[in-house]
Structure formats: C-alpha cells, structure tokens
Amino acid sequence: MSALPLKDVSAPHNRSIEIRLVRTPDEHAMAMAIRAAVFLAEEDNITYFDEFNGNDYVSTHLLAFVDGDPAGVIRLRWFADFALLERVGIRRRYRSYQVLAALARAALELARQKGYRQVAGRARLETVNFWKRFGGRPSGEAVEMYRGTLVPIIHDLPRRPDLGAVEGGAFGDPDFEALIVQPEGKWDFSKVRAAAAHLTAAE
C-alpha cells in the first residue's frame, strides 16, 4: 500500500496538509503526475503499463496537498464486500510520516463512511508496522510481485452510525435520499444520524 520507505526525508513540520478527493480533470492530472514522479521516476522495476492499467478511471483518488502543492496520492477501488487501498505515492520532497498518515486516515475514514467494514491492501515490508498503527493486520504471507515483496494487509473498520455512514436499508426515506445525492465524501449525516439514534433508543 505504501509506495517507498520514509527514510532520510525531512518531515513537513509547521506546514499545512490538506486531503482532497479528486473531483476534476485537473486534480486527476495531479494524481497521475505524482504517481509518475514516484513510481516511474524512482523505481526501475515498474513500467508505464504496470502503473497505469485502466483502473484509474473506475476508482477514487485522494490527494494530499502540502502548503497547497500536490504532494501525495492514494487510490481506492470498491468491491462488494471490501475496499482496496493501493497506489500510495508521495513526492520525495514531501515524503514523511505526517503526509502518509493523513492519506491513510482519510482513505480509511472514506471507506467507513461509505459503509465498508473491511479495507484490504498490500504493504512493503518496511511499512507493515505503519499500517498496524492504523488497525491493519497481515492477512497472509508476504508475496513476490512486480512491485517487490508485499504483505497482504486487512483493516477491520468499526461500524459507527453515530459518526455517520452511508448504509443501505433506508431507501425511499427522504433524509436518506437527500444524503446519497450529495457530493462524494461531503455527506451531511446530521439527519440520518439523528434518525439512527432515535431508532437505537426505541429498541
């Protein structure tokens, strides 16, 4: 899941980190530029066709900005029972724990809000402990892939309706219908949270 080890790089102390969901062609170009700078420029074993395989148009990208400059990216693909976290790349000048942690938190929270209970991925050996800090656990032995030796990782996400989540079952309810037409990742959960709390209290 993580692109490269976080070593010999200064952390962006006292700098602003913002995470933004890719919504425009310009932001998509930023995401692709970051991945090209990280994977194609820095890793000799990855080809253009390894990195860009068509899944970029059927997935979600999150961008990290450091002081307004595109700095990092993470991609999520959505399956019926789990989300897949992959293609994590951070430009060398911004590569730090803080930027990677901000991307990880945002990706896991987006999956939780969308109602997913599991997020899968593959971590480099040197980043397994990082993902463990965010609740991940190895789900199998390390495997050899064209990106190197990777460890399958699973995150079990908590069900937190009190924090808001898009969960099926309320189709036709006006508040739920109003919720699911809102922009991805910018849902206003206030009304459905109140309804969930009322239902729980009644039980």
N, C-alpha and C. Protein backbone atom coordinates (compact mmCIF):
# COMPACT_ATOMS: atom_id res chain seq x y z
N MET A 1 0.82 -1.18 0.00
CA MET A 1 0.00 0.00 0.00
C MET A 1 0.87 1.25 0.00
N SER A 2 1.94 1.25 0.77
CA SER A 2 2.81 2.41 0.79
C SER A 2 3.83 2.33 -0.33
N ALA A 3 4.13 3.46 -0.91
CA ALA A 3 4.98 3.50 -2.09
C ALA A 3 6.44 3.20 -1.76
N LEU A 4 7.08 4.06 -1.01
CA LEU A 4 8.50 3.94 -0.73
C LEU A 4 8.76 4.14 0.75
N PRO A 5 9.87 3.62 1.28
CA PRO A 5 10.16 3.81 2.70
C PRO A 5 10.32 5.28 3.05
N LEU A 6 9.97 5.62 4.29
CA LEU A 6 10.03 7.01 4.75
C LEU A 6 11.35 7.24 5.47
N LYS A 7 12.43 7.25 4.74
CA LYS A 7 13.73 7.43 5.37
C LYS A 7 14.49 8.57 4.70
N ASP A 8 15.34 9.20 5.49
CA ASP A 8 16.20 10.28 5.00
C ASP A 8 15.39 11.40 4.36
N VAL A 9 14.21 11.66 4.90
CA VAL A 9 13.36 12.73 4.38
C VAL A 9 12.89 13.58 5.54
N SER A 10 12.95 14.88 5.39
CA SER A 10 12.51 15.78 6.45
C SER A 10 11.00 15.81 6.52
N ALA A 11 10.47 15.79 7.73
CA ALA A 11 9.02 15.86 7.92
C ALA A 11 8.56 17.29 7.68
N PRO A 12 7.35 17.47 7.15
CA PRO A 12 6.84 18.83 6.87
C PRO A 12 6.32 19.51 8.13
N HIS A 13 7.21 19.76 9.10
CA HIS A 13 6.79 20.41 10.33
C HIS A 13 6.28 21.82 10.03
N ASN A 14 5.24 22.20 10.76
CA ASN A 14 4.67 23.55 10.64
C ASN A 14 4.21 23.86 9.23
N ARG A 15 3.80 22.83 8.50
CA ARG A 15 3.28 23.04 7.16
C ARG A 15 1.85 22.51 7.11
N SER A 16 1.05 23.10 6.26
CA SER A 16 -0.35 22.73 6.16
C SER A 16 -0.52 21.51 5.27
N ILE A 17 -1.21 20.49 5.78
CA ILE A 17 -1.53 19.29 4.99
C ILE A 17 -3.03 19.23 4.81
N GLU A 18 -3.47 19.16 3.55
CA GLU A 18 -4.89 19.06 3.23
C GLU A 18 -5.11 17.83 2.38
N ILE A 19 -6.17 17.08 2.66
CA ILE A 19 -6.54 15.92 1.85
C ILE A 19 -7.80 16.27 1.07
N ARG A 20 -7.76 16.01 -0.23
CA ARG A 20 -8.88 16.36 -1.10
C ARG A 20 -9.23 15.18 -1.99
N LEU A 21 -10.51 14.88 -2.10
CA LEU A 21 -10.98 13.84 -3.01
C LEU A 21 -10.94 14.37 -4.43
N VAL A 22 -10.35 13.61 -5.35
CA VAL A 22 -10.22 14.05 -6.74
C VAL A 22 -11.60 14.14 -7.38
N ARG A 23 -11.92 15.34 -7.89
CA ARG A 23 -13.23 15.59 -8.49
C ARG A 23 -13.16 16.19 -9.88
N THR A 24 -12.01 16.71 -10.27
CA THR A 24 -11.91 17.44 -11.54
C THR A 24 -10.82 16.82 -12.41
N PRO A 25 -10.85 17.08 -13.73
CA PRO A 25 -9.76 16.61 -14.61
C PRO A 25 -8.40 17.13 -14.17
N ASP A 26 -8.34 18.36 -13.69
CA ASP A 26 -7.07 18.91 -13.23
C ASP A 26 -6.53 18.15 -12.03
N GLU A 27 -7.41 17.84 -11.07
CA GLU A 27 -6.97 17.08 -9.90
C GLU A 27 -6.57 15.66 -10.29
N HIS A 28 -7.27 15.08 -11.26
CA HIS A 28 -6.88 13.75 -11.73
C HIS A 28 -5.50 13.79 -12.35
N ALA A 29 -5.21 14.85 -13.11
CA ALA A 29 -3.87 15.00 -13.71
C ALA A 29 -2.81 15.14 -12.63
N MET A 30 -3.13 15.83 -11.54
CA MET A 30 -2.19 15.94 -10.42
C MET A 30 -1.88 14.56 -9.84
N ALA A 31 -2.93 13.76 -9.65
CA ALA A 31 -2.74 12.42 -9.09
C ALA A 31 -1.83 11.58 -10.00
N MET A 32 -2.07 11.63 -11.31
CA MET A 32 -1.26 10.85 -12.24
C MET A 32 0.18 11.37 -12.27
N ALA A 33 0.34 12.68 -12.16
CA ALA A 33 1.70 13.26 -12.17
C ALA A 33 2.49 12.81 -10.95
N ILE A 34 1.83 12.78 -9.79
CA ILE A 34 2.52 12.32 -8.57
C ILE A 34 2.94 10.87 -8.73
N ARG A 35 2.04 10.03 -9.22
CA ARG A 35 2.38 8.62 -9.37
C ARG A 35 3.50 8.41 -10.39
N ALA A 36 3.49 9.19 -11.45
CA ALA A 36 4.58 9.09 -12.42
C ALA A 36 5.91 9.50 -11.78
N ALA A 37 5.88 10.58 -10.98
CA ALA A 37 7.10 11.06 -10.34
C ALA A 37 7.64 10.06 -9.33
N VAL A 38 6.74 9.35 -8.65
CA VAL A 38 7.16 8.40 -7.63
C VAL A 38 7.53 7.05 -8.24
N PHE A 39 6.60 6.45 -8.97
CA PHE A 39 6.80 5.08 -9.40
C PHE A 39 7.64 4.95 -10.67
N LEU A 40 7.40 5.79 -11.65
CA LEU A 40 8.16 5.66 -12.89
C LEU A 40 9.55 6.27 -12.76
N ALA A 41 9.66 7.38 -12.06
CA ALA A 41 10.95 8.05 -11.95
C ALA A 41 11.88 7.40 -10.93
N GLU A 42 11.30 6.79 -9.88
CA GLU A 42 12.12 6.30 -8.78
C GLU A 42 12.31 4.79 -8.76
N GLU A 43 11.45 4.05 -9.46
CA GLU A 43 11.53 2.59 -9.37
C GLU A 43 11.80 1.99 -10.74
N ASP A 44 12.94 1.32 -10.86
CA ASP A 44 13.36 0.79 -12.16
C ASP A 44 12.57 -0.44 -12.59
N ASN A 45 11.90 -1.10 -11.65
CA ASN A 45 11.22 -2.36 -11.99
C ASN A 45 9.78 -2.16 -12.44
N ILE A 46 9.28 -0.93 -12.43
CA ILE A 46 7.90 -0.66 -12.79
C ILE A 46 7.82 0.03 -14.15
N THR A 47 7.01 -0.54 -15.03
CA THR A 47 6.83 0.06 -16.35
C THR A 47 5.60 0.97 -16.34
N TYR A 48 5.46 1.75 -17.38
CA TYR A 48 4.29 2.62 -17.52
C TYR A 48 3.01 1.79 -17.48
N PHE A 49 3.02 0.64 -18.15
CA PHE A 49 1.80 -0.18 -18.23
C PHE A 49 1.53 -0.94 -16.94
N ASP A 50 2.56 -1.11 -16.08
CA ASP A 50 2.31 -1.64 -14.74
C ASP A 50 1.55 -0.61 -13.91
N GLU A 51 1.98 0.62 -14.01
CA GLU A 51 1.44 1.66 -13.13
C GLU A 51 0.07 2.17 -13.59
N PHE A 52 -0.10 2.33 -14.88
CA PHE A 52 -1.35 2.88 -15.40
C PHE A 52 -2.04 1.81 -16.25
N ASN A 53 -3.02 1.13 -15.61
CA ASN A 53 -3.60 -0.05 -16.25
C ASN A 53 -5.10 0.07 -16.52
N GLY A 54 -5.63 1.27 -16.48
CA GLY A 54 -7.04 1.46 -16.76
C GLY A 54 -7.92 1.57 -15.54
N ASN A 55 -7.47 1.10 -14.39
CA ASN A 55 -8.28 1.17 -13.19
C ASN A 55 -8.42 2.59 -12.63
N ASP A 56 -7.63 3.51 -13.15
CA ASP A 56 -7.68 4.88 -12.64
C ASP A 56 -8.99 5.58 -12.97
N TYR A 57 -9.73 5.07 -13.93
CA TYR A 57 -10.99 5.70 -14.31
C TYR A 57 -12.19 5.02 -13.65
N VAL A 58 -11.95 4.00 -12.86
CA VAL A 58 -13.05 3.31 -12.16
C VAL A 58 -12.74 3.24 -10.66
N SER A 59 -12.02 4.22 -10.16
CA SER A 59 -11.60 4.21 -8.76
C SER A 59 -11.69 5.62 -8.20
N THR A 60 -11.36 5.74 -6.93
CA THR A 60 -11.35 7.03 -6.23
C THR A 60 -9.91 7.35 -5.86
N HIS A 61 -9.50 8.58 -6.11
CA HIS A 61 -8.18 9.05 -5.67
C HIS A 61 -8.34 10.12 -4.62
N LEU A 62 -7.47 10.08 -3.62
CA LEU A 62 -7.36 11.16 -2.65
C LEU A 62 -6.00 11.82 -2.83
N LEU A 63 -5.98 13.13 -2.85
CA LEU A 63 -4.75 13.90 -2.99
C LEU A 63 -4.37 14.54 -1.66
N ALA A 64 -3.07 14.52 -1.36
CA ALA A 64 -2.54 15.29 -0.23
C ALA A 64 -1.86 16.53 -0.79
N PHE A 65 -2.17 17.67 -0.20
CA PHE A 65 -1.51 18.92 -0.55
C PHE A 65 -0.71 19.40 0.64
N VAL A 66 0.53 19.82 0.41
CA VAL A 66 1.35 20.41 1.45
C VAL A 66 1.55 21.87 1.08
N ASP A 67 1.04 22.74 1.91
CA ASP A 67 1.06 24.18 1.62
C ASP A 67 0.53 24.47 0.22
N GLY A 68 -0.52 23.73 -0.17
CA GLY A 68 -1.17 23.97 -1.45
C GLY A 68 -0.56 23.27 -2.64
N ASP A 69 0.58 22.59 -2.45
CA ASP A 69 1.25 21.91 -3.56
C ASP A 69 0.88 20.43 -3.54
N PRO A 70 0.48 19.85 -4.69
CA PRO A 70 0.16 18.41 -4.72
C PRO A 70 1.36 17.59 -4.28
N ALA A 71 1.18 16.80 -3.22
CA ALA A 71 2.31 16.12 -2.60
C ALA A 71 2.20 14.61 -2.60
N GLY A 72 0.97 14.08 -2.46
CA GLY A 72 0.80 12.64 -2.35
C GLY A 72 -0.55 12.20 -2.86
N VAL A 73 -0.69 10.89 -3.06
CA VAL A 73 -1.92 10.34 -3.61
C VAL A 73 -2.14 8.94 -3.07
N ILE A 74 -3.40 8.55 -2.98
CA ILE A 74 -3.77 7.19 -2.63
C ILE A 74 -5.01 6.83 -3.45
N ARG A 75 -5.09 5.59 -3.89
CA ARG A 75 -6.22 5.16 -4.72
C ARG A 75 -7.02 4.10 -3.99
N LEU A 76 -8.34 4.19 -4.12
CA LEU A 76 -9.24 3.16 -3.57
C LEU A 76 -10.11 2.62 -4.68
N ARG A 77 -10.24 1.29 -4.69
CA ARG A 77 -11.21 0.65 -5.58
C ARG A 77 -12.23 -0.05 -4.70
N TRP A 78 -13.46 -0.12 -5.22
CA TRP A 78 -14.59 -0.56 -4.41
C TRP A 78 -15.14 -1.88 -4.92
N PHE A 79 -15.18 -2.88 -4.05
CA PHE A 79 -15.74 -4.19 -4.35
C PHE A 79 -16.98 -4.39 -3.47
N ALA A 80 -17.70 -5.47 -3.67
CA ALA A 80 -18.95 -5.66 -2.95
C ALA A 80 -18.74 -5.70 -1.44
N ASP A 81 -17.72 -6.40 -0.97
CA ASP A 81 -17.55 -6.62 0.46
C ASP A 81 -16.33 -5.93 1.06
N PHE A 82 -15.54 -5.28 0.25
CA PHE A 82 -14.34 -4.62 0.78
C PHE A 82 -13.88 -3.52 -0.17
N ALA A 83 -13.10 -2.62 0.37
CA ALA A 83 -12.42 -1.60 -0.43
C ALA A 83 -10.95 -2.00 -0.54
N LEU A 84 -10.33 -1.66 -1.66
CA LEU A 84 -8.92 -1.98 -1.88
C LEU A 84 -8.12 -0.69 -1.93
N LEU A 85 -7.16 -0.59 -1.03
CA LEU A 85 -6.32 0.58 -0.92
C LEU A 85 -5.00 0.30 -1.63
N GLU A 86 -4.61 1.17 -2.56
CA GLU A 86 -3.41 0.89 -3.35
C GLU A 86 -2.84 2.17 -3.95
N ARG A 87 -1.72 2.03 -4.66
CA ARG A 87 -1.08 3.12 -5.40
C ARG A 87 -0.83 4.34 -4.50
N VAL A 88 -0.22 4.10 -3.35
CA VAL A 88 0.13 5.19 -2.45
C VAL A 88 1.46 5.78 -2.89
N GLY A 89 1.44 7.03 -3.24
CA GLY A 89 2.67 7.68 -3.68
C GLY A 89 2.81 9.06 -3.07
N ILE A 90 4.01 9.38 -2.60
CA ILE A 90 4.29 10.71 -2.04
C ILE A 90 5.58 11.22 -2.68
N ARG A 91 5.51 12.44 -3.21
CA ARG A 91 6.71 13.02 -3.84
C ARG A 91 7.85 13.09 -2.83
N ARG A 92 9.07 12.88 -3.34
CA ARG A 92 10.24 12.77 -2.46
C ARG A 92 10.38 13.96 -1.51
N ARG A 93 10.16 15.17 -2.00
CA ARG A 93 10.37 16.35 -1.15
C ARG A 93 9.38 16.43 -0.01
N TYR A 94 8.23 15.73 -0.14
CA TYR A 94 7.20 15.77 0.89
C TYR A 94 7.05 14.44 1.62
N ARG A 95 7.90 13.48 1.32
CA ARG A 95 7.71 12.14 1.87
C ARG A 95 7.99 12.14 3.36
N SER A 96 6.95 11.85 4.15
CA SER A 96 7.05 11.92 5.60
C SER A 96 5.94 11.11 6.22
N TYR A 97 6.09 10.83 7.50
CA TYR A 97 5.05 10.13 8.23
C TYR A 97 3.76 10.94 8.22
N GLN A 98 3.88 12.26 8.40
CA GLN A 98 2.68 13.09 8.51
C GLN A 98 1.82 13.03 7.25
N VAL A 99 2.43 13.09 6.09
CA VAL A 99 1.67 13.08 4.84
C VAL A 99 1.05 11.70 4.63
N LEU A 100 1.84 10.65 4.85
CA LEU A 100 1.31 9.30 4.68
C LEU A 100 0.18 9.03 5.68
N ALA A 101 0.35 9.47 6.92
CA ALA A 101 -0.69 9.26 7.93
C ALA A 101 -1.97 9.99 7.56
N ALA A 102 -1.84 11.20 7.04
CA ALA A 102 -3.03 11.97 6.65
C ALA A 102 -3.78 11.26 5.52
N LEU A 103 -3.05 10.73 4.54
CA LEU A 103 -3.68 9.98 3.45
C LEU A 103 -4.35 8.71 3.98
N ALA A 104 -3.66 7.99 4.85
CA ALA A 104 -4.21 6.74 5.39
C ALA A 104 -5.49 7.00 6.17
N ARG A 105 -5.47 7.99 7.04
CA ARG A 105 -6.67 8.30 7.84
C ARG A 105 -7.85 8.67 6.94
N ALA A 106 -7.57 9.50 5.95
CA ALA A 106 -8.65 9.95 5.07
C ALA A 106 -9.22 8.79 4.26
N ALA A 107 -8.37 7.90 3.77
CA ALA A 107 -8.84 6.78 2.96
C ALA A 107 -9.67 5.81 3.80
N LEU A 108 -9.21 5.49 5.00
CA LEU A 108 -9.94 4.58 5.86
C LEU A 108 -11.27 5.19 6.32
N GLU A 109 -11.26 6.49 6.59
CA GLU A 109 -12.49 7.14 7.01
C GLU A 109 -13.49 7.22 5.86
N LEU A 110 -13.03 7.47 4.63
CA LEU A 110 -13.93 7.49 3.49
C LEU A 110 -14.59 6.13 3.31
N ALA A 111 -13.80 5.07 3.42
CA ALA A 111 -14.36 3.72 3.29
C ALA A 111 -15.38 3.45 4.40
N ARG A 112 -15.07 3.87 5.61
CA ARG A 112 -16.01 3.68 6.72
C ARG A 112 -17.31 4.43 6.46
N GLN A 113 -17.21 5.68 6.02
CA GLN A 113 -18.41 6.46 5.75
C GLN A 113 -19.25 5.83 4.64
N LYS A 114 -18.62 5.17 3.70
CA LYS A 114 -19.36 4.53 2.61
C LYS A 114 -19.98 3.20 3.04
N GLY A 115 -19.76 2.81 4.30
CA GLY A 115 -20.38 1.61 4.83
C GLY A 115 -19.54 0.36 4.75
N TYR A 116 -18.27 0.49 4.34
CA TYR A 116 -17.42 -0.69 4.26
C TYR A 116 -16.92 -1.09 5.64
N ARG A 117 -16.80 -2.40 5.84
CA ARG A 117 -16.30 -2.92 7.12
C ARG A 117 -14.88 -3.45 7.00
N GLN A 118 -14.38 -3.63 5.76
CA GLN A 118 -13.01 -4.09 5.56
C GLN A 118 -12.34 -3.33 4.43
N VAL A 119 -11.06 -3.03 4.65
CA VAL A 119 -10.21 -2.43 3.62
C VAL A 119 -8.99 -3.32 3.49
N ALA A 120 -8.70 -3.73 2.28
CA ALA A 120 -7.55 -4.59 2.01
C ALA A 120 -6.46 -3.79 1.30
N GLY A 121 -5.26 -4.31 1.33
CA GLY A 121 -4.15 -3.69 0.62
C GLY A 121 -2.92 -4.58 0.71
N ARG A 122 -1.81 -4.09 0.16
CA ARG A 122 -0.55 -4.82 0.21
C ARG A 122 0.54 -3.83 0.61
N ALA A 123 1.29 -4.17 1.64
CA ALA A 123 2.29 -3.25 2.19
C ALA A 123 3.69 -3.76 1.93
N ARG A 124 4.59 -2.84 1.69
CA ARG A 124 6.01 -3.19 1.66
C ARG A 124 6.44 -3.62 3.06
N LEU A 125 7.46 -4.46 3.12
CA LEU A 125 7.90 -4.98 4.41
C LEU A 125 8.20 -3.87 5.40
N GLU A 126 8.82 -2.78 4.92
CA GLU A 126 9.23 -1.71 5.83
C GLU A 126 8.08 -0.82 6.26
N THR A 127 6.89 -1.02 5.69
CA THR A 127 5.75 -0.18 6.10
C THR A 127 4.65 -0.97 6.79
N VAL A 128 4.87 -2.26 7.03
CA VAL A 128 3.85 -3.07 7.70
C VAL A 128 3.52 -2.50 9.08
N ASN A 129 4.53 -2.11 9.85
CA ASN A 129 4.28 -1.55 11.18
C ASN A 129 3.49 -0.25 11.11
N PHE A 130 3.72 0.54 10.06
CA PHE A 130 2.94 1.76 9.89
C PHE A 130 1.46 1.43 9.79
N TRP A 131 1.11 0.47 8.93
CA TRP A 131 -0.30 0.14 8.74
C TRP A 131 -0.90 -0.53 9.97
N LYS A 132 -0.06 -1.21 10.77
CA LYS A 132 -0.56 -1.77 12.02
C LYS A 132 -1.01 -0.67 12.97
N ARG A 133 -0.35 0.48 12.94
CA ARG A 133 -0.74 1.60 13.81
C ARG A 133 -2.14 2.09 13.47
N PHE A 134 -2.58 1.82 12.27
CA PHE A 134 -3.90 2.26 11.84
C PHE A 134 -4.91 1.11 11.85
N GLY A 135 -4.60 0.08 12.61
CA GLY A 135 -5.53 -1.02 12.79
C GLY A 135 -5.39 -2.15 11.79
N GLY A 136 -4.41 -2.08 10.93
CA GLY A 136 -4.21 -3.14 9.94
C GLY A 136 -3.56 -4.37 10.54
N ARG A 137 -3.76 -5.50 9.89
CA ARG A 137 -3.11 -6.74 10.33
C ARG A 137 -2.77 -7.56 9.10
N PRO A 138 -1.62 -8.23 9.12
CA PRO A 138 -1.29 -9.10 7.98
C PRO A 138 -2.36 -10.17 7.80
N SER A 139 -2.75 -10.41 6.56
CA SER A 139 -3.78 -11.41 6.28
C SER A 139 -3.22 -12.60 5.51
N GLY A 140 -1.90 -12.69 5.43
CA GLY A 140 -1.26 -13.78 4.72
C GLY A 140 0.24 -13.58 4.69
N GLU A 141 0.93 -14.54 4.12
CA GLU A 141 2.39 -14.44 4.00
C GLU A 141 2.77 -13.43 2.92
N ALA A 142 3.98 -12.91 3.02
CA ALA A 142 4.48 -11.98 2.01
C ALA A 142 4.51 -12.67 0.65
N VAL A 143 4.19 -11.91 -0.38
CA VAL A 143 4.17 -12.45 -1.75
C VAL A 143 5.10 -11.62 -2.62
N GLU A 144 5.69 -12.28 -3.61
CA GLU A 144 6.55 -11.59 -4.57
C GLU A 144 5.70 -11.11 -5.74
N MET A 145 5.75 -9.81 -6.00
CA MET A 145 5.02 -9.22 -7.12
C MET A 145 5.98 -8.31 -7.87
N TYR A 146 5.51 -7.78 -9.00
CA TYR A 146 6.40 -6.95 -9.79
C TYR A 146 6.81 -5.68 -9.03
N ARG A 147 6.05 -5.30 -8.01
CA ARG A 147 6.41 -4.15 -7.20
C ARG A 147 7.38 -4.52 -6.07
N GLY A 148 7.71 -5.79 -5.93
CA GLY A 148 8.60 -6.23 -4.87
C GLY A 148 7.90 -7.19 -3.93
N THR A 149 8.44 -7.33 -2.73
CA THR A 149 7.86 -8.20 -1.71
C THR A 149 6.79 -7.43 -0.95
N LEU A 150 5.58 -7.94 -0.98
CA LEU A 150 4.45 -7.24 -0.38
C LEU A 150 3.70 -8.14 0.59
N VAL A 151 3.21 -7.54 1.66
CA VAL A 151 2.46 -8.27 2.68
C VAL A 151 0.99 -7.90 2.58
N PRO A 152 0.09 -8.87 2.36
CA PRO A 152 -1.34 -8.56 2.35
C PRO A 152 -1.79 -8.05 3.72
N ILE A 153 -2.53 -6.96 3.70
CA ILE A 153 -2.98 -6.32 4.94
C ILE A 153 -4.50 -6.16 4.90
N ILE A 154 -5.15 -6.38 6.04
CA ILE A 154 -6.59 -6.15 6.17
C ILE A 154 -6.83 -5.16 7.32
N HIS A 155 -7.72 -4.21 7.09
CA HIS A 155 -8.21 -3.32 8.15
C HIS A 155 -9.67 -3.64 8.40
N ASP A 156 -10.02 -3.94 9.63
CA ASP A 156 -11.42 -4.11 10.02
C ASP A 156 -11.92 -2.77 10.53
N LEU A 157 -12.91 -2.20 9.85
CA LEU A 157 -13.39 -0.88 10.20
C LEU A 157 -14.56 -0.98 11.18
N PRO A 158 -14.61 -0.11 12.17
CA PRO A 158 -15.73 -0.14 13.12
C PRO A 158 -17.01 0.38 12.47
N ARG A 159 -18.13 -0.16 12.89
CA ARG A 159 -19.41 0.37 12.46
C ARG A 159 -19.77 1.49 13.42
N ARG A 160 -19.80 2.73 12.92
CA ARG A 160 -20.05 3.88 13.77
C ARG A 160 -21.17 4.74 13.18
N PRO A 161 -22.42 4.29 13.26
CA PRO A 161 -23.52 5.10 12.73
C PRO A 161 -23.64 6.45 13.42
N ASP A 162 -23.11 6.54 14.66
CA ASP A 162 -23.14 7.82 15.37
C ASP A 162 -22.27 8.87 14.69
N LEU A 163 -21.26 8.41 13.93
CA LEU A 163 -20.41 9.33 13.19
C LEU A 163 -20.90 9.55 11.76
N GLY A 164 -21.89 8.76 11.36
CA GLY A 164 -22.43 8.88 10.01
C GLY A 164 -21.84 7.86 9.08
N ALA A 165 -22.70 7.22 8.31
CA ALA A 165 -22.25 6.25 7.31
C ALA A 165 -23.37 6.07 6.29
N VAL A 166 -22.99 5.79 5.06
CA VAL A 166 -23.96 5.51 4.01
C VAL A 166 -24.23 4.01 4.03
N GLU A 167 -25.34 3.62 4.62
CA GLU A 167 -25.68 2.21 4.73
C GLU A 167 -27.05 1.98 4.12
N GLY A 168 -27.20 0.91 3.36
CA GLY A 168 -28.47 0.61 2.71
C GLY A 168 -29.57 0.27 3.69
N GLY A 169 -30.79 0.31 3.19
CA GLY A 169 -31.92 -0.09 4.02
C GLY A 169 -32.94 0.99 4.20
N ALA A 170 -32.53 2.24 4.00
CA ALA A 170 -33.46 3.35 4.21
C ALA A 170 -33.93 3.94 2.89
N PHE A 171 -33.87 3.17 1.82
CA PHE A 171 -34.26 3.68 0.51
C PHE A 171 -35.70 4.18 0.55
N GLY A 172 -35.93 5.33 -0.02
CA GLY A 172 -37.26 5.92 -0.01
C GLY A 172 -37.45 6.92 1.11
N ASP A 173 -36.65 6.81 2.18
CA ASP A 173 -36.71 7.79 3.25
C ASP A 173 -36.18 9.12 2.72
N PRO A 174 -36.91 10.21 2.86
CA PRO A 174 -36.48 11.50 2.28
C PRO A 174 -35.10 11.94 2.74
N ASP A 175 -34.77 11.75 4.03
CA ASP A 175 -33.46 12.17 4.52
C ASP A 175 -32.35 11.33 3.90
N PHE A 176 -32.58 10.03 3.77
CA PHE A 176 -31.58 9.16 3.17
C PHE A 176 -31.40 9.48 1.69
N GLU A 177 -32.50 9.70 0.98
CA GLU A 177 -32.42 10.03 -0.45
C GLU A 177 -31.68 11.34 -0.65
N ALA A 178 -31.90 12.31 0.25
CA ALA A 178 -31.19 13.58 0.16
C ALA A 178 -29.70 13.40 0.45
N LEU A 179 -29.39 12.43 1.32
CA LEU A 179 -27.99 12.16 1.67
C LEU A 179 -27.22 11.61 0.49
N ILE A 180 -27.76 10.62 -0.20
CA ILE A 180 -26.97 9.89 -1.20
C ILE A 180 -26.83 10.63 -2.52
N VAL A 181 -27.50 11.76 -2.68
CA VAL A 181 -27.26 12.56 -3.89
C VAL A 181 -26.23 13.66 -3.63
N GLN A 182 -25.73 13.75 -2.41
CA GLN A 182 -24.71 14.77 -2.10
C GLN A 182 -23.37 14.37 -2.71
N PRO A 183 -22.46 15.34 -2.89
CA PRO A 183 -21.14 15.03 -3.45
C PRO A 183 -20.41 13.98 -2.63
N GLU A 184 -19.75 13.07 -3.31
CA GLU A 184 -18.99 12.01 -2.67
C GLU A 184 -18.05 12.57 -1.61
N GLY A 185 -18.13 11.99 -0.42
CA GLY A 185 -17.23 12.40 0.65
C GLY A 185 -17.60 13.68 1.35
N LYS A 186 -18.68 14.33 0.91
CA LYS A 186 -19.11 15.58 1.56
C LYS A 186 -20.54 15.43 2.09
N TRP A 187 -20.84 14.25 2.60
CA TRP A 187 -22.19 13.99 3.07
C TRP A 187 -22.48 14.73 4.36
N ASP A 188 -23.71 15.20 4.48
CA ASP A 188 -24.20 15.77 5.74
C ASP A 188 -25.01 14.67 6.44
N PHE A 189 -24.39 14.06 7.44
CA PHE A 189 -25.01 12.91 8.12
C PHE A 189 -25.94 13.33 9.26
N SER A 190 -26.12 14.61 9.48
CA SER A 190 -26.81 15.06 10.69
C SER A 190 -28.21 14.47 10.83
N LYS A 191 -29.01 14.46 9.75
CA LYS A 191 -30.38 13.96 9.85
C LYS A 191 -30.43 12.45 10.00
N VAL A 192 -29.61 11.72 9.22
CA VAL A 192 -29.65 10.26 9.33
C VAL A 192 -29.03 9.79 10.63
N ARG A 193 -28.07 10.55 11.18
CA ARG A 193 -27.52 10.23 12.49
C ARG A 193 -28.59 10.35 13.56
N ALA A 194 -29.38 11.43 13.47
CA ALA A 194 -30.44 11.64 14.46
C ALA A 194 -31.48 10.54 14.36
N ALA A 195 -31.80 10.11 13.14
CA ALA A 195 -32.77 9.02 12.96
C ALA A 195 -32.24 7.72 13.52
N ALA A 196 -30.93 7.44 13.30
CA ALA A 196 -30.33 6.22 13.82
C ALA A 196 -30.32 6.22 15.35
N ALA A 197 -30.03 7.38 15.95
CA ALA A 197 -30.01 7.48 17.40
C ALA A 197 -31.41 7.26 17.97
N HIS A 198 -32.41 7.81 17.29
CA HIS A 198 -33.80 7.65 17.75
C HIS A 198 -34.23 6.18 17.68
N LEU A 199 -33.81 5.50 16.60
CA LEU A 199 -34.16 4.09 16.42
C LEU A 199 -33.49 3.24 17.49
N THR A 200 -32.22 3.53 17.78
CA THR A 200 -31.49 2.79 18.81
C THR A 200 -32.13 2.97 20.18
N ALA A 201 -32.54 4.21 20.47
CA ALA A 201 -33.17 4.49 21.77
C ALA A 201 -34.50 3.76 21.90
N ALA A 202 -35.22 3.63 20.78
CA ALA A 202 -36.52 2.95 20.81
C ALA A 202 -36.37 1.47 21.05
N GLU A 203 -35.23 0.90 20.63
CA GLU A 203 -35.00 -0.53 20.81
C GLU A 203 -34.71 -0.83 22.27
